[in-house]
Structure formats: structure tokens, C-alpha cells
């Protein structure tokens, strides 16, 4: 299975993003995080593509760009 096809658990995705798994839990409840896949009541997975796309969406070129993005949301 290629990395593009790999599905990550919340803890694995958090480790890949270098954030807490609790932060991903909060993103799922409140929004603002990467897309996720839910199988049943408890099984949540993240695709590598969705994680990398989320990172790209969060990439800024300057602090003023980041401030404009924050103010728009």
C-alpha cells in the first residue's frame, strides 16, 4: 500500500502533524482541522492526501497573510 493510500488513526495523524491527538479531537468537534473519514461510531481515520492538503491550506508566505486569513474566518 502506498503512502497516498494509507489511512492513519488519530494518534498516527497527530504524530505526522506534530500536534496532540487531543487537538485533532477538538478540530473534529469544532471544525478547522483536516478532513477525516468515519467508519461507524468510533473508528476515525485520516488519509495522507487530506492531511497534506490541510497543511498546504495552512501554509502562509507572511505574517500579514496569516492575519488576513485569521480575520476572514
PDB file of N, CA and C in Angstrom:
ATOM      1  N   UNK A   1       0.852  -1.173   0.000  1.00  0.00           N
ATOM      2  CA  UNK A   1       0.000   0.000   0.000  1.00  0.00           C
ATOM      3  C   UNK A   1       0.898   1.236   0.000  1.00  0.00           C
ATOM      4  N   UNK A   2       0.632   2.176  -0.890  1.00  0.00           N
ATOM      5  CA  UNK A   2       1.441   3.389  -0.966  1.00  0.00           C
ATOM      6  C   UNK A   2       1.032   4.353   0.145  1.00  0.00           C
ATOM      7  N   UNK A   3       1.894   5.320   0.366  1.00  0.00           N
ATOM      8  CA  UNK A   3       1.607   6.312   1.408  1.00  0.00           C
ATOM      9  C   UNK A   3       0.331   7.085   1.078  1.00  0.00           C
ATOM     10  N   UNK A   4       0.078   7.304  -0.210  1.00  0.00           N
ATOM     11  CA  UNK A   4      -1.131   8.018  -0.634  1.00  0.00           C
ATOM     12  C   UNK A   4      -2.397   7.261  -0.236  1.00  0.00           C
ATOM     13  N   UNK A   5      -2.324   5.946  -0.136  1.00  0.00           N
ATOM     14  CA  UNK A   5      -3.493   5.126   0.171  1.00  0.00           C
ATOM     15  C   UNK A   5      -3.618   4.800   1.652  1.00  0.00           C
ATOM     16  N   UNK A   6      -2.620   5.155   2.439  1.00  0.00           N
ATOM     17  CA  UNK A   6      -2.605   4.825   3.855  1.00  0.00           C
ATOM     18  C   UNK A   6      -3.648   5.641   4.609  1.00  0.00           C
ATOM     19  N   UNK A   7      -4.353   4.982   5.508  1.00  0.00           N
ATOM     20  CA  UNK A   7      -5.283   5.657   6.407  1.00  0.00           C
ATOM     21  C   UNK A   7      -4.671   5.647   7.802  1.00  0.00           C
ATOM     22  N   UNK A   8      -4.635   6.819   8.428  1.00  0.00           N
ATOM     23  CA  UNK A   8      -4.000   6.981   9.724  1.00  0.00           C
ATOM     24  C   UNK A   8      -5.031   7.115  10.831  1.00  0.00           C
ATOM     25  N   UNK A   9      -4.736   6.536  11.981  1.00  0.00           N
ATOM     26  CA  UNK A   9      -5.552   6.746  13.170  1.00  0.00           C
ATOM     27  C   UNK A   9      -5.342   8.189  13.636  1.00  0.00           C
ATOM     28  N   UNK A  10      -6.132   8.618  14.596  1.00  0.00           N
ATOM     29  CA  UNK A  10      -5.981   9.969  15.134  1.00  0.00           C
ATOM     30  C   UNK A  10      -4.587  10.161  15.727  1.00  0.00           C
ATOM     31  N   UNK A  11      -4.106   9.195  16.478  1.00  0.00           N
ATOM     32  CA  UNK A  11      -2.779   9.321  17.092  1.00  0.00           C
ATOM     33  C   UNK A  11      -1.680   9.333  16.036  1.00  0.00           C
ATOM     34  N   UNK A  12      -1.808   8.504  15.009  1.00  0.00           N
ATOM     35  CA  UNK A  12      -0.807   8.484  13.935  1.00  0.00           C
ATOM     36  C   UNK A  12      -0.809   9.796  13.152  1.00  0.00           C
ATOM     37  N   UNK A  13      -2.005  10.306  12.859  1.00  0.00           N
ATOM     38  CA  UNK A  13      -2.120  11.572  12.128  1.00  0.00           C
ATOM     39  C   UNK A  13      -1.543  12.716  12.957  1.00  0.00           C
ATOM     40  N   UNK A  14      -1.844  12.725  14.240  1.00  0.00           N
ATOM     41  CA  UNK A  14      -1.322  13.770  15.119  1.00  0.00           C
ATOM     42  C   UNK A  14       0.204  13.728  15.161  1.00  0.00           C
ATOM     43  N   UNK A  15       0.758  12.539  15.209  1.00  0.00           N
ATOM     44  CA  UNK A  15       2.220  12.399  15.223  1.00  0.00           C
ATOM     45  C   UNK A  15       2.807  12.918  13.918  1.00  0.00           C
ATOM     46  N   UNK A  16       2.156  12.601  12.805  1.00  0.00           N
ATOM     47  CA  UNK A  16       2.612  13.075  11.493  1.00  0.00           C
ATOM     48  C   UNK A  16       2.572  14.600  11.421  1.00  0.00           C
ATOM     49  N   UNK A  17       1.544  15.207  12.019  1.00  0.00           N
ATOM     50  CA  UNK A  17       1.389  16.664  12.016  1.00  0.00           C
ATOM     51  C   UNK A  17       2.161  17.351  13.140  1.00  0.00           C
ATOM     52  N   UNK A  18       2.699  16.551  14.057  1.00  0.00           N
ATOM     53  CA  UNK A  18       3.427  17.060  15.217  1.00  0.00           C
ATOM     54  C   UNK A  18       2.529  17.930  16.112  1.00  0.00           C
ATOM     55  N   UNK A  19       1.309  17.434  16.327  1.00  0.00           N
ATOM     56  CA  UNK A  19       0.367  18.071  17.244  1.00  0.00           C
ATOM     57  C   UNK A  19      -0.224  16.994  18.146  1.00  0.00           C
ATOM     58  N   UNK A  20      -0.928  17.404  19.163  1.00  0.00           N
ATOM     59  CA  UNK A  20      -1.561  16.475  20.090  1.00  0.00           C
ATOM     60  C   UNK A  20      -2.765  15.787  19.438  1.00  0.00           C
ATOM     61  N   UNK A  21      -2.984  14.526  19.787  1.00  0.00           N
ATOM     62  CA  UNK A  21      -4.187  13.855  19.276  1.00  0.00           C
ATOM     63  C   UNK A  21      -5.447  14.504  19.839  1.00  0.00           C
ATOM     64  N   UNK A  22      -5.336  15.112  20.994  1.00  0.00           N
ATOM     65  CA  UNK A  22      -6.478  15.835  21.570  1.00  0.00           C
ATOM     66  C   UNK A  22      -6.832  17.068  20.719  1.00  0.00           C
ATOM     67  N   UNK A  23      -5.822  17.683  20.131  1.00  0.00           N
ATOM     68  CA  UNK A  23      -6.073  18.817  19.236  1.00  0.00           C
ATOM     69  C   UNK A  23      -6.877  18.353  18.027  1.00  0.00           C
ATOM     70  N   UNK A  24      -6.520  17.211  17.458  1.00  0.00           N
ATOM     71  CA  UNK A  24      -7.296  16.668  16.335  1.00  0.00           C
ATOM     72  C   UNK A  24      -8.719  16.338  16.766  1.00  0.00           C
ATOM     73  N   UNK A  25      -8.880  15.810  17.970  1.00  0.00           N
ATOM     74  CA  UNK A  25     -10.223  15.543  18.504  1.00  0.00           C
ATOM     75  C   UNK A  25     -11.046  16.839  18.539  1.00  0.00           C
ATOM     76  N   UNK A  26     -10.425  17.914  19.007  1.00  0.00           N
ATOM     77  CA  UNK A  26     -11.117  19.202  19.089  1.00  0.00           C
ATOM     78  C   UNK A  26     -11.440  19.734  17.697  1.00  0.00           C
ATOM     79  N   UNK A  27     -10.510  19.587  16.756  1.00  0.00           N
ATOM     80  CA  UNK A  27     -10.775  20.020  15.383  1.00  0.00           C
ATOM     81  C   UNK A  27     -11.981  19.282  14.797  1.00  0.00           C
ATOM     82  N   UNK A  28     -12.104  17.993  15.100  1.00  0.00           N
ATOM     83  CA  UNK A  28     -13.243  17.236  14.578  1.00  0.00           C
ATOM     84  C   UNK A  28     -14.555  17.762  15.136  1.00  0.00           C
ATOM     85  N   UNK A  29     -14.555  18.160  16.398  1.00  0.00           N
ATOM     86  CA  UNK A  29     -15.789  18.667  17.023  1.00  0.00           C
ATOM     87  C   UNK A  29     -16.107  20.094  16.614  1.00  0.00           C
ATOM     88  N   UNK A  30     -15.084  20.938  16.578  1.00  0.00           N
ATOM     89  CA  UNK A  30     -15.297  22.373  16.361  1.00  0.00           C
ATOM     90  C   UNK A  30     -15.060  22.811  14.917  1.00  0.00           C
ATOM     91  N   UNK A  31     -14.389  21.984  14.130  1.00  0.00           N
ATOM     92  CA  UNK A  31     -14.045  22.361  12.767  1.00  0.00           C
ATOM     93  C   UNK A  31     -12.660  22.979  12.698  1.00  0.00           C
ATOM     94  N   UNK A  32     -12.190  23.185  11.477  1.00  0.00           N
ATOM     95  CA  UNK A  32     -10.895  23.820  11.273  1.00  0.00           C
ATOM     96  C   UNK A  32      -9.750  22.857  11.053  1.00  0.00           C
ATOM     97  N   UNK A  33      -9.991  21.573  11.230  1.00  0.00           N
ATOM     98  CA  UNK A  33      -8.933  20.591  11.056  1.00  0.00           C
ATOM     99  C   UNK A  33      -8.988  19.917   9.704  1.00  0.00           C
ATOM    100  N   UNK A  34      -8.143  18.925   9.521  1.00  0.00           N
ATOM    101  CA  UNK A  34      -8.151  18.191   8.259  1.00  0.00           C
ATOM    102  C   UNK A  34      -9.417  17.349   8.113  1.00  0.00           C
ATOM    103  N   UNK A  35      -9.766  17.056   6.871  1.00  0.00           N
ATOM    104  CA  UNK A  35     -10.899  16.165   6.621  1.00  0.00           C
ATOM    105  C   UNK A  35     -10.598  14.810   7.241  1.00  0.00           C
ATOM    106  N   UNK A  36     -11.639  14.117   7.638  1.00  0.00           N
ATOM    107  CA  UNK A  36     -11.466  12.789   8.231  1.00  0.00           C
ATOM    108  C   UNK A  36     -12.531  11.849   7.698  1.00  0.00           C
ATOM    109  N   UNK A  37     -12.287  10.579   7.894  1.00  0.00           N
ATOM    110  CA  UNK A  37     -13.202   9.529   7.457  1.00  0.00           C
ATOM    111  C   UNK A  37     -13.709   8.837   8.709  1.00  0.00           C
ATOM    112  N   UNK A  38     -14.999   8.637   8.780  1.00  0.00           N
ATOM    113  CA  UNK A  38     -15.574   7.999   9.964  1.00  0.00           C
ATOM    114  C   UNK A  38     -16.251   6.695   9.551  1.00  0.00           C
ATOM    115  N   UNK A  39     -15.787   5.610  10.133  1.00  0.00           N
ATOM    116  CA  UNK A  39     -16.367   4.293   9.930  1.00  0.00           C
ATOM    117  C   UNK A  39     -17.092   3.910  11.214  1.00  0.00           C
ATOM    118  N   UNK A  40     -18.396   3.971  11.242  1.00  0.00           N
ATOM    119  CA  UNK A  40     -19.138   3.624  12.442  1.00  0.00           C
ATOM    120  C   UNK A  40     -19.061   4.716  13.493  1.00  0.00           C
ATOM    121  N   UNK A  41     -19.288   4.329  14.754  1.00  0.00           N
ATOM    122  CA  UNK A  41     -19.351   5.305  15.838  1.00  0.00           C
ATOM    123  C   UNK A  41     -17.992   5.760  16.350  1.00  0.00           C
ATOM    124  N   UNK A  42     -16.997   4.892  16.319  1.00  0.00           N
ATOM    125  CA  UNK A  42     -15.729   5.207  16.978  1.00  0.00           C
ATOM    126  C   UNK A  42     -14.509   5.204  16.064  1.00  0.00           C
ATOM    127  N   UNK A  43     -14.611   4.633  14.910  1.00  0.00           N
ATOM    128  CA  UNK A  43     -13.449   4.458  14.037  1.00  0.00           C
ATOM    129  C   UNK A  43     -13.274   5.680  13.128  1.00  0.00           C
ATOM    130  N   UNK A  44     -12.251   6.474  13.425  1.00  0.00           N
ATOM    131  CA  UNK A  44     -11.936   7.672  12.645  1.00  0.00           C
ATOM    132  C   UNK A  44     -10.566   7.479  12.012  1.00  0.00           C
ATOM    133  N   UNK A  45     -10.462   7.841  10.731  1.00  0.00           N
ATOM    134  CA  UNK A  45      -9.195   7.738  10.014  1.00  0.00           C
ATOM    135  C   UNK A  45      -8.970   9.005   9.200  1.00  0.00           C
ATOM    136  N   UNK A  46      -7.699   9.251   8.904  1.00  0.00           N
ATOM    137  CA  UNK A  46      -7.283  10.394   8.094  1.00  0.00           C
ATOM    138  C   UNK A  46      -6.472   9.866   6.917  1.00  0.00           C
ATOM    139  N   UNK A  47      -6.757  10.380   5.729  1.00  0.00           N
ATOM    140  CA  UNK A  47      -5.960   9.972   4.567  1.00  0.00           C
ATOM    141  C   UNK A  47      -4.735  10.877   4.480  1.00  0.00           C
ATOM    142  N   UNK A  48      -3.679  10.331   3.929  1.00  0.00           N
ATOM    143  CA  UNK A  48      -2.443  11.085   3.761  1.00  0.00           C
ATOM    144  C   UNK A  48      -2.699  12.320   2.895  1.00  0.00           C
ATOM    145  N   UNK A  49      -3.476  12.163   1.836  1.00  0.00           N
ATOM    146  CA  UNK A  49      -3.781  13.276   0.948  1.00  0.00           C
ATOM    147  C   UNK A  49      -4.524  14.393   1.654  1.00  0.00           C
ATOM    148  N   UNK A  50      -5.499  14.054   2.484  1.00  0.00           N
ATOM    149  CA  UNK A  50      -6.241  15.075   3.228  1.00  0.00           C
ATOM    150  C   UNK A  50      -5.343  15.796   4.232  1.00  0.00           C
ATOM    151  N   UNK A  51      -4.435  15.062   4.853  1.00  0.00           N
ATOM    152  CA  UNK A  51      -3.510  15.685   5.801  1.00  0.00           C
ATOM    153  C   UNK A  51      -2.570  16.647   5.092  1.00  0.00           C
ATOM    154  N   UNK A  52      -2.007  16.227   3.967  1.00  0.00           N
ATOM    155  CA  UNK A  52      -1.083  17.101   3.248  1.00  0.00           C
ATOM    156  C   UNK A  52      -1.814  18.296   2.635  1.00  0.00           C
ATOM    157  N   UNK A  53      -3.041  18.106   2.173  1.00  0.00           N
ATOM    158  CA  UNK A  53      -3.817  19.239   1.650  1.00  0.00           C
ATOM    159  C   UNK A  53      -4.111  20.254   2.743  1.00  0.00           C
ATOM    160  N   UNK A  54      -4.428  19.774   3.942  1.00  0.00           N
ATOM    161  CA  UNK A  54      -4.699  20.660   5.063  1.00  0.00           C
ATOM    162  C   UNK A  54      -3.448  21.475   5.404  1.00  0.00           C
ATOM    163  N   UNK A  55      -2.301  20.811   5.383  1.00  0.00           N
ATOM    164  CA  UNK A  55      -1.039  21.517   5.636  1.00  0.00           C
ATOM    165  C   UNK A  55      -0.824  22.598   4.578  1.00  0.00           C
ATOM    166  N   UNK A  56      -1.047  22.265   3.317  1.00  0.00           N
ATOM    167  CA  UNK A  56      -0.879  23.248   2.238  1.00  0.00           C
ATOM    168  C   UNK A  56      -1.818  24.429   2.417  1.00  0.00           C
ATOM    169  N   UNK A  57      -3.054  24.172   2.842  1.00  0.00           N
ATOM    170  CA  UNK A  57      -4.021  25.251   3.072  1.00  0.00           C
ATOM    171  C   UNK A  57      -3.598  26.167   4.214  1.00  0.00           C
ATOM    172  N   UNK A  58      -2.827  25.645   5.146  1.00  0.00           N
ATOM    173  CA  UNK A  58      -2.379  26.429   6.305  1.00  0.00           C
ATOM    174  C   UNK A  58      -1.053  27.141   6.048  1.00  0.00           C
ATOM    175  N   UNK A  59      -0.430  26.903   4.908  1.00  0.00           N
ATOM    176  CA  UNK A  59       0.867  27.486   4.606  1.00  0.00           C
ATOM    177  C   UNK A  59       0.712  28.947   4.205  1.00  0.00           C
ATOM    178  N   UNK A  60       1.469  29.822   4.856  1.00  0.00           N
ATOM    179  CA  UNK A  60       1.414  31.261   4.605  1.00  0.00           C
ATOM    180  C   UNK A  60       2.789  31.756   4.168  1.00  0.00           C
ATOM    181  N   UNK A  61       2.794  32.871   3.455  1.00  0.00           N
ATOM    182  CA  UNK A  61       4.044  33.477   2.992  1.00  0.00           C
ATOM    183  C   UNK A  61       4.515  34.607   3.899  1.00  0.00           C
ATOM    184  N   UNK A  62       3.594  35.163   4.681  1.00  0.00           N
ATOM    185  CA  UNK A  62       3.967  36.265   5.569  1.00  0.00           C
ATOM    186  C   UNK A  62       3.003  36.319   6.745  1.00  0.00           C
ATOM    187  N   UNK A  63       3.396  37.057   7.765  1.00  0.00           N
ATOM    188  CA  UNK A  63       2.516  37.196   8.926  1.00  0.00           C
ATOM    189  C   UNK A  63       1.288  38.017   8.587  1.00  0.00           C
ATOM    190  N   UNK A  64       1.416  38.960   7.651  1.00  0.00           N
ATOM    191  CA  UNK A  64       0.239  39.748   7.268  1.00  0.00           C
ATOM    192  C   UNK A  64      -0.774  38.880   6.530  1.00  0.00           C
ATOM    193  N   UNK A  65      -0.292  37.920   5.731  1.00  0.00           N
ATOM    194  CA  UNK A  65      -1.204  36.982   5.068  1.00  0.00           C
ATOM    195  C   UNK A  65      -1.925  36.126   6.103  1.00  0.00           C
ATOM    196  N   UNK A  66      -1.210  35.695   7.124  1.00  0.00           N
ATOM    197  CA  UNK A  66      -1.816  34.894   8.188  1.00  0.00           C
ATOM    198  C   UNK A  66      -2.871  35.707   8.934  1.00  0.00           C
ATOM    199  N   UNK A  67      -2.592  36.974   9.187  1.00  0.00           N
ATOM    200  CA  UNK A  67      -3.552  37.837   9.883  1.00  0.00           C
ATOM    201  C   UNK A  67      -4.815  38.030   9.037  1.00  0.00           C
ATOM    202  N   UNK A  68      -4.641  38.209   7.726  1.00  0.00           N
ATOM    203  CA  UNK A  68      -5.802  38.372   6.843  1.00  0.00           C
ATOM    204  C   UNK A  68      -6.637  37.099   6.814  1.00  0.00           C
ATOM    205  N   UNK A  69      -5.986  35.942   6.797  1.00  0.00           N
ATOM    206  CA  UNK A  69      -6.713  34.660   6.794  1.00  0.00           C
ATOM    207  C   UNK A  69      -7.466  34.480   8.104  1.00  0.00           C
ATOM    208  N   UNK A  70      -6.837  34.868   9.214  1.00  0.00           N
ATOM    209  CA  UNK A  70      -7.473  34.744  10.535  1.00  0.00           C
ATOM    210  C   UNK A  70      -8.682  35.669  10.632  1.00  0.00           C
ATOM    211  N   UNK A  71      -8.535  36.894  10.121  1.00  0.00           N
ATOM    212  CA  UNK A  71      -9.633  37.871  10.182  1.00  0.00           C
ATOM    213  C   UNK A  71     -10.804  37.470   9.280  1.00  0.00           C
ATOM    214  N   UNK A  72     -10.520  36.759   8.204  1.00  0.00           N
ATOM    215  CA  UNK A  72     -11.583  36.336   7.266  1.00  0.00           C
ATOM    216  C   UNK A  72     -12.417  35.207   7.845  1.00  0.00           C
ATOM    217  N   UNK A  73     -11.882  34.467   8.793  1.00  0.00           N
ATOM    218  CA  UNK A  73     -12.634  33.324   9.346  1.00  0.00           C
ATOM    219  C   UNK A  73     -13.431  33.690  10.559  1.00  0.00           C
TER     220      UNK A  73
END
